[in-house]
Amino acid sequence: MDGDGRMETFSLENRRMKIFADGREIWASDSKWIVEDFILGDLGGDGTEEMVLFVRKRGSYGPVKPFWIKKDETSYSQHIFLYRWNDGGPEPLWMSSRLSPEVREWELLADGSLKLITDSGEDTRWGWHIWGLERLDGETIPF
């Protein structure tokens, strides 16, 4: 992934994502998350691969919330987390708030866009735009 000559191995077991290099674990997802799926590909459009995680976690936000939110939710919600490679391991690039509507299927297309199909069947395309995903087909709204 990072061109250092080591072969990274990606493992998704028991809803936990782990990355190994030279047989040793170099990264693991937060134990409180439920990682449902992952994609490796150039979502950023800069010629380098990113790791994209499809995660369920408690709350709509991370440790930093919008100023108008006083208390985060405690229920599980869907999120997309995007990582880039830095110094031999993944580094968070962008971590979405709660997805709404919920996503049933996802796929990284050959053009680098992310295809998301919602629970209601809406088929949408999303692309990386400066800082976040932006809808490419239809109403332009950030995710």
Protein backbone atom coordinates (compact mmCIF):
# COMPACT_ATOMS: atom_id res chain seq x y z
CA MET A 1 0.00 0.00 0.00
CA ASP A 2 2.72 2.48 0.87
CA GLY A 3 5.47 1.36 -1.49
CA ASP A 4 7.91 0.38 1.27
CA GLY A 5 8.41 -3.11 -0.16
CA ARG A 6 6.54 -4.86 2.65
CA MET A 7 3.43 -6.88 1.88
CA GLU A 8 0.49 -5.70 3.96
CA THR A 9 -2.26 -8.20 4.71
CA PHE A 10 -5.80 -7.04 5.48
CA SER A 11 -8.09 -9.10 7.68
CA LEU A 12 -11.75 -8.58 8.55
CA GLU A 13 -12.72 -11.13 11.19
CA ASN A 14 -15.32 -10.95 13.93
CA ARG A 15 -16.27 -7.47 12.74
CA ARG A 16 -12.79 -6.12 13.42
CA MET A 17 -10.35 -4.85 10.81
CA LYS A 18 -6.65 -5.63 11.24
CA ILE A 19 -3.60 -4.94 9.11
CA PHE A 20 -0.44 -7.02 9.26
CA ALA A 21 3.01 -6.38 7.76
CA ASP A 22 5.78 -8.96 7.86
CA GLY A 23 3.55 -11.14 10.02
CA ARG A 24 2.95 -8.62 12.78
CA GLU A 25 -0.13 -6.52 13.46
CA ILE A 26 0.47 -2.86 12.61
CA TRP A 27 -3.10 -1.54 12.99
CA ALA A 28 -6.53 -2.60 14.28
CA SER A 29 -9.89 -0.87 14.19
CA ASP A 30 -11.40 0.41 17.40
CA SER A 31 -12.77 -2.53 19.41
CA LYS A 32 -16.04 -0.62 19.92
CA TRP A 33 -16.75 -0.46 16.19
CA ILE A 34 -18.52 -3.05 14.06
CA VAL A 35 -16.65 -3.07 10.74
CA GLU A 36 -19.03 -4.48 8.14
CA ASP A 37 -16.83 -4.17 5.05
CA PHE A 38 -13.77 -2.47 3.59
CA ILE A 39 -12.49 -1.35 0.20
CA LEU A 40 -8.96 -0.60 -0.96
CA GLY A 41 -8.75 1.81 -3.89
CA ASP A 42 -8.03 5.31 -5.11
CA LEU A 43 -11.09 7.15 -3.84
CA GLY A 44 -9.07 10.35 -3.45
CA GLY A 45 -8.18 10.46 -7.15
CA ASP A 46 -4.54 11.24 -6.42
CA GLY A 47 -3.05 7.99 -7.70
CA THR A 48 -2.63 6.41 -4.26
CA GLU A 49 -4.88 3.83 -2.66
CA GLU A 50 -6.92 4.56 0.40
CA MET A 51 -8.64 2.19 2.80
CA VAL A 52 -12.37 2.81 3.14
CA LEU A 53 -14.24 1.22 6.05
CA PHE A 54 -17.99 0.72 6.35
CA VAL A 55 -18.57 0.91 10.12
CA ARG A 56 -21.34 0.83 12.68
CA LYS A 57 -20.56 2.59 15.92
CA ARG A 58 -22.41 4.20 18.79
CA GLY A 59 -23.32 7.83 18.23
CA SER A 60 -23.59 10.08 15.22
CA TYR A 61 -20.28 11.87 15.73
CA GLY A 62 -16.76 11.30 16.96
CA PRO A 63 -15.12 13.09 19.87
CA VAL A 64 -15.71 16.48 18.19
CA LYS A 65 -19.36 17.39 17.68
CA PRO A 66 -21.07 20.37 16.04
CA PHE A 67 -21.51 23.18 18.58
CA TRP A 68 -25.31 22.78 18.57
CA ILE A 69 -25.13 19.11 19.64
CA LYS A 70 -24.97 18.88 23.43
CA LYS A 71 -25.16 15.09 23.80
CA ASP A 72 -24.48 12.42 21.19
CA GLU A 73 -26.81 9.49 20.57
CA THR A 74 -26.04 6.11 22.14
CA SER A 75 -27.54 3.88 19.42
CA TYR A 76 -25.47 2.34 16.63
CA SER A 77 -25.34 4.15 13.29
CA GLN A 78 -23.58 3.65 9.94
CA HIS A 79 -20.44 5.57 8.99
CA ILE A 80 -17.83 5.64 6.22
CA PHE A 81 -14.24 6.09 7.38
CA LEU A 82 -11.49 6.93 4.90
CA TYR A 83 -7.79 6.33 5.66
CA ARG A 84 -4.63 7.20 3.75
CA TRP A 85 -1.19 5.65 4.23
CA ASN A 86 1.39 7.56 6.24
CA ASP A 87 4.60 6.29 7.85
CA GLY A 88 3.82 2.62 7.25
CA GLY A 89 0.22 2.55 8.42
CA PRO A 90 -3.26 4.02 7.99
CA GLU A 91 -4.03 7.56 9.10
CA PRO A 92 -7.60 8.93 9.29
CA LEU A 93 -8.35 11.22 6.36
CA TRP A 94 -12.11 11.62 6.80
CA MET A 95 -14.68 10.04 9.10
CA SER A 96 -18.33 10.64 8.30
CA SER A 97 -21.08 11.43 10.72
CA ARG A 98 -24.13 9.15 10.77
CA LEU A 99 -25.25 8.06 7.28
CA SER A 100 -28.81 8.99 6.47
CA PRO A 101 -30.46 7.23 4.79
CA GLU A 102 -28.78 3.96 5.69
CA VAL A 103 -26.74 2.20 3.00
CA ARG A 104 -27.52 -1.38 1.92
CA GLU A 105 -24.73 -1.88 -0.65
CA TRP A 106 -21.56 -0.12 -1.69
CA GLU A 107 -18.91 -0.49 -4.36
CA LEU A 108 -15.84 1.43 -5.52
CA LEU A 109 -16.18 1.93 -9.28
CA ALA A 110 -13.33 1.98 -11.81
CA ASP A 111 -13.52 5.79 -12.07
CA GLY A 112 -12.83 6.14 -8.33
CA SER A 113 -16.39 7.05 -7.39
CA LEU A 114 -18.24 5.29 -4.61
CA LYS A 115 -21.57 3.70 -5.54
CA LEU A 116 -24.01 3.65 -2.61
CA ILE A 117 -27.41 1.98 -2.68
CA THR A 118 -29.68 2.95 0.19
CA ASP A 119 -32.13 0.71 2.03
CA SER A 120 -34.91 2.29 -0.04
CA GLY A 121 -33.11 1.33 -3.29
CA GLU A 122 -31.77 4.76 -4.27
CA ASP A 123 -28.61 4.28 -6.37
CA THR A 124 -26.15 7.17 -5.95
CA ARG A 125 -22.53 8.02 -6.87
CA TRP A 126 -20.15 9.85 -4.54
CA GLY A 127 -16.65 11.25 -5.01
CA TRP A 128 -13.93 12.72 -2.82
CA HIS A 129 -14.09 16.52 -2.82
CA ILE A 130 -11.53 18.49 -0.79
CA TRP A 131 -12.78 17.33 2.60
CA GLY A 132 -15.54 14.77 2.40
CA LEU A 133 -17.70 12.85 0.00
CA GLU A 134 -19.84 14.82 -2.43
CA ARG A 135 -22.71 13.50 -4.50
CA LEU A 136 -21.80 13.31 -8.19
CA ASP A 137 -25.15 12.33 -9.71
CA GLY A 138 -28.00 14.60 -8.83
CA GLU A 139 -28.36 17.09 -6.02
CA THR A 140 -24.89 18.12 -4.83
CA ILE A 141 -24.83 17.58 -1.10
CA PRO A 142 -21.94 16.62 1.18
CA PHE A 143 -22.12 13.38 3.15
